[in-house]
Amino acid sequence: MVPEPRSADHDNSTARIDVGGHLSLRVSHPTPRTVLIQVSGEVDLSTARKLDEVLRSRIRGPVGTVVIDLDGVTFFSVAGLNSLLRAQLLADAAGAHLTVDPGGSRAVARLFTLLPMDFYGVMSPRAVG
């Protein structure tokens, strides 16, 4: 049996990015045009910069959907919220759809419930199973 050809743009591997200290990021591509970024630990002023770098490097090219999974986040500050807003702007510019999944993170839920908006319609329940 001959294997199906794969697109050069599709990388089914998972990259784990340890920022050091209290933040860990996992990046995978469940489909050729989908990027899943799983965030664990603390997103604060010192770690949000690394999150920004990863988001900036992944939201480009032929990406159609970006999912940011915050289920493993234990602390989430306004710096993290700003990272998500910048990610939304990047996704809009790339023509991609951004979904933020708070998962069961109480830290994320607490901050999102304080906001007088629906996070611009981006926050959604479990988007990737």
C-alpha atoms as a PDB file:
ATOM      1  CA  MET A   1       0.000   0.000   0.000  1.00  0.00           C
ATOM      2  CA  VAL A   2       1.317   3.444  -0.964  1.00  0.00           C
ATOM      3  CA  PRO A   3       1.069   6.110   1.740  1.00  0.00           C
ATOM      4  CA  GLU A   4      -0.906   9.219   0.940  1.00  0.00           C
ATOM      5  CA  PRO A   5       1.246  12.232   0.106  1.00  0.00           C
ATOM      6  CA  ARG A   6       1.420  14.814   2.838  1.00  0.00           C
ATOM      7  CA  SER A   7       1.557  18.527   2.360  1.00  0.00           C
ATOM      8  CA  ALA A   8       4.923  20.061   3.152  1.00  0.00           C
ATOM      9  CA  ASP A   9       3.074  22.600   5.282  1.00  0.00           C
ATOM     10  CA  HIS A  10       1.510  19.925   7.492  1.00  0.00           C
ATOM     11  CA  ASP A  11       3.532  18.891  10.490  1.00  0.00           C
ATOM     12  CA  ASN A  12       1.655  16.498  12.750  1.00  0.00           C
ATOM     13  CA  SER A  13       4.301  16.734  15.467  1.00  0.00           C
ATOM     14  CA  THR A  14       3.926  18.465  18.790  1.00  0.00           C
ATOM     15  CA  ALA A  15       6.452  21.013  19.998  1.00  0.00           C
ATOM     16  CA  ARG A  16       6.751  21.612  23.723  1.00  0.00           C
ATOM     17  CA  ILE A  17       8.153  25.027  24.581  1.00  0.00           C
ATOM     18  CA  ASP A  18       9.276  25.472  28.164  1.00  0.00           C
ATOM     19  CA  VAL A  19       9.568  29.129  28.975  1.00  0.00           C
ATOM     20  CA  GLY A  20      11.159  28.352  32.282  1.00  0.00           C
ATOM     21  CA  GLY A  21       9.656  28.798  35.651  1.00  0.00           C
ATOM     22  CA  HIS A  22       5.901  28.798  35.487  1.00  0.00           C
ATOM     23  CA  LEU A  23       4.770  28.612  31.852  1.00  0.00           C
ATOM     24  CA  SER A  24       4.720  25.762  29.367  1.00  0.00           C
ATOM     25  CA  LEU A  25       3.404  25.824  25.798  1.00  0.00           C
ATOM     26  CA  ARG A  26       2.586  22.900  23.491  1.00  0.00           C
ATOM     27  CA  VAL A  27       2.056  23.566  19.802  1.00  0.00           C
ATOM     28  CA  SER A  28       0.533  21.005  17.466  1.00  0.00           C
ATOM     29  CA  HIS A  29      -1.203  20.837  14.103  1.00  0.00           C
ATOM     30  CA  PRO A  30      -4.282  18.584  14.339  1.00  0.00           C
ATOM     31  CA  THR A  31      -4.992  19.342  10.661  1.00  0.00           C
ATOM     32  CA  PRO A  32      -2.828  20.975   7.988  1.00  0.00           C
ATOM     33  CA  ARG A  33      -4.491  24.380   8.447  1.00  0.00           C
ATOM     34  CA  THR A  34      -5.139  24.220  12.202  1.00  0.00           C
ATOM     35  CA  VAL A  35      -2.737  25.294  14.935  1.00  0.00           C
ATOM     36  CA  LEU A  36      -3.456  24.236  18.518  1.00  0.00           C
ATOM     37  CA  ILE A  37      -1.548  26.042  21.262  1.00  0.00           C
ATOM     38  CA  GLN A  38      -1.975  24.536  24.728  1.00  0.00           C
ATOM     39  CA  VAL A  39      -0.966  26.852  27.547  1.00  0.00           C
ATOM     40  CA  SER A  40      -0.145  25.573  31.062  1.00  0.00           C
ATOM     41  CA  GLY A  41       0.988  27.385  34.176  1.00  0.00           C
ATOM     42  CA  GLU A  42       1.067  31.099  34.866  1.00  0.00           C
ATOM     43  CA  VAL A  43       0.505  33.816  32.276  1.00  0.00           C
ATOM     44  CA  ASP A  44       1.716  37.077  33.760  1.00  0.00           C
ATOM     45  CA  LEU A  45       3.798  40.084  32.763  1.00  0.00           C
ATOM     46  CA  SER A  46       7.033  38.074  32.663  1.00  0.00           C
ATOM     47  CA  THR A  47       5.684  35.086  30.684  1.00  0.00           C
ATOM     48  CA  ALA A  48       3.213  36.803  28.355  1.00  0.00           C
ATOM     49  CA  ARG A  49       6.096  37.964  26.140  1.00  0.00           C
ATOM     50  CA  LYS A  50       6.981  34.364  25.306  1.00  0.00           C
ATOM     51  CA  LEU A  51       3.326  33.585  24.626  1.00  0.00           C
ATOM     52  CA  ASP A  52       3.266  36.581  22.254  1.00  0.00           C
ATOM     53  CA  GLU A  53       6.353  35.274  20.422  1.00  0.00           C
ATOM     54  CA  VAL A  54       4.857  31.823  19.950  1.00  0.00           C
ATOM     55  CA  LEU A  55       1.504  33.199  18.800  1.00  0.00           C
ATOM     56  CA  ARG A  56       3.185  35.608  16.389  1.00  0.00           C
ATOM     57  CA  SER A  57       5.295  32.830  14.862  1.00  0.00           C
ATOM     58  CA  ARG A  58       2.354  30.407  14.491  1.00  0.00           C
ATOM     59  CA  ILE A  59      -0.370  32.766  13.224  1.00  0.00           C
ATOM     60  CA  ARG A  60       0.938  33.281   9.732  1.00  0.00           C
ATOM     61  CA  GLY A  61       1.047  31.575   6.398  1.00  0.00           C
ATOM     62  CA  PRO A  62      -1.626  29.126   5.336  1.00  0.00           C
ATOM     63  CA  VAL A  63      -3.313  28.799   8.716  1.00  0.00           C
ATOM     64  CA  GLY A  64      -7.104  28.762   8.766  1.00  0.00           C
ATOM     65  CA  THR A  65      -7.864  28.068  12.416  1.00  0.00           C
ATOM     66  CA  VAL A  66      -5.969  28.872  15.590  1.00  0.00           C
ATOM     67  CA  VAL A  67      -7.103  27.351  18.880  1.00  0.00           C
ATOM     68  CA  ILE A  68      -5.621  28.560  22.148  1.00  0.00           C
ATOM     69  CA  ASP A  69      -6.368  26.048  24.908  1.00  0.00           C
ATOM     70  CA  LEU A  70      -6.054  27.624  28.359  1.00  0.00           C
ATOM     71  CA  ASP A  71      -7.264  24.598  30.348  1.00  0.00           C
ATOM     72  CA  GLY A  72      -3.928  24.194  32.170  1.00  0.00           C
ATOM     73  CA  VAL A  73      -3.559  27.856  33.180  1.00  0.00           C
ATOM     74  CA  THR A  74      -3.308  28.395  36.939  1.00  0.00           C
ATOM     75  CA  PHE A  75      -2.836  32.187  36.906  1.00  0.00           C
ATOM     76  CA  PHE A  76      -3.971  34.589  34.187  1.00  0.00           C
ATOM     77  CA  SER A  77      -3.301  38.314  34.329  1.00  0.00           C
ATOM     78  CA  VAL A  78      -4.279  41.233  32.161  1.00  0.00           C
ATOM     79  CA  ALA A  79      -0.950  40.755  30.357  1.00  0.00           C
ATOM     80  CA  GLY A  80      -2.306  37.390  29.184  1.00  0.00           C
ATOM     81  CA  LEU A  81      -5.535  39.006  28.068  1.00  0.00           C
ATOM     82  CA  ASN A  82      -3.513  41.520  26.048  1.00  0.00           C
ATOM     83  CA  SER A  83      -1.674  38.597  24.400  1.00  0.00           C
ATOM     84  CA  LEU A  84      -4.999  37.108  23.366  1.00  0.00           C
ATOM     85  CA  LEU A  85      -6.207  40.423  21.968  1.00  0.00           C
ATOM     86  CA  ARG A  86      -2.979  40.770  19.946  1.00  0.00           C
ATOM     87  CA  ALA A  87      -3.472  37.180  18.725  1.00  0.00           C
ATOM     88  CA  GLN A  88      -6.972  38.129  17.541  1.00  0.00           C
ATOM     89  CA  LEU A  89      -5.532  41.040  15.550  1.00  0.00           C
ATOM     90  CA  LEU A  90      -2.884  38.747  14.018  1.00  0.00           C
ATOM     91  CA  ALA A  91      -5.503  36.134  13.122  1.00  0.00           C
ATOM     92  CA  ASP A  92      -7.725  38.773  11.541  1.00  0.00           C
ATOM     93  CA  ALA A  93      -4.789  40.018   9.450  1.00  0.00           C
ATOM     94  CA  ALA A  94      -3.955  36.442   8.377  1.00  0.00           C
ATOM     95  CA  GLY A  95      -7.583  35.662   7.544  1.00  0.00           C
ATOM     96  CA  ALA A  96      -7.682  32.966  10.225  1.00  0.00           C
ATOM     97  CA  HIS A  97     -10.357  32.132  12.779  1.00  0.00           C
ATOM     98  CA  LEU A  98      -9.183  32.341  16.403  1.00  0.00           C
ATOM     99  CA  THR A  99     -10.836  30.387  19.197  1.00  0.00           C
ATOM    100  CA  VAL A 100      -9.875  30.745  22.848  1.00  0.00           C
ATOM    101  CA  ASP A 101     -10.893  27.777  24.963  1.00  0.00           C
ATOM    102  CA  PRO A 102     -10.767  28.537  28.703  1.00  0.00           C
ATOM    103  CA  GLY A 103     -11.341  24.867  29.492  1.00  0.00           C
ATOM    104  CA  GLY A 104     -11.723  24.338  33.221  1.00  0.00           C
ATOM    105  CA  SER A 105      -9.246  27.020  34.234  1.00  0.00           C
ATOM    106  CA  ARG A 106     -10.711  28.957  37.145  1.00  0.00           C
ATOM    107  CA  ALA A 107      -8.078  31.678  36.741  1.00  0.00           C
ATOM    108  CA  VAL A 108      -9.114  32.343  33.140  1.00  0.00           C
ATOM    109  CA  ALA A 109     -12.826  32.081  33.906  1.00  0.00           C
ATOM    110  CA  ARG A 110     -12.458  34.578  36.748  1.00  0.00           C
ATOM    111  CA  LEU A 111     -10.827  37.206  34.528  1.00  0.00           C
ATOM    112  CA  PHE A 112     -13.225  36.610  31.639  1.00  0.00           C
ATOM    113  CA  THR A 113     -16.264  36.998  33.898  1.00  0.00           C
ATOM    114  CA  LEU A 114     -14.984  40.398  35.006  1.00  0.00           C
ATOM    115  CA  LEU A 115     -15.019  41.657  31.435  1.00  0.00           C
ATOM    116  CA  PRO A 116     -18.152  43.488  30.263  1.00  0.00           C
ATOM    117  CA  MET A 117     -17.933  41.748  26.879  1.00  0.00           C
ATOM    118  CA  ASP A 118     -17.954  38.349  25.230  1.00  0.00           C
ATOM    119  CA  PHE A 119     -14.227  38.646  24.462  1.00  0.00           C
ATOM    120  CA  TYR A 120     -15.227  39.787  20.992  1.00  0.00           C
ATOM    121  CA  GLY A 121     -16.974  36.476  20.351  1.00  0.00           C
ATOM    122  CA  VAL A 122     -13.694  34.557  20.434  1.00  0.00           C
ATOM    123  CA  MET A 123     -14.084  32.641  23.682  1.00  0.00           C
ATOM    124  CA  SER A 124     -15.902  29.380  23.200  1.00  0.00           C
ATOM    125  CA  PRO A 125     -16.462  26.039  24.879  1.00  0.00           C
ATOM    126  CA  ARG A 126     -14.223  23.088  24.067  1.00  0.00           C
ATOM    127  CA  ALA A 127     -13.350  23.615  20.392  1.00  0.00           C
ATOM    128  CA  VAL A 128     -10.893  20.760  19.909  1.00  0.00           C
ATOM    129  CA  GLY A 129     -11.630  17.402  21.467  1.00  0.00           C
END
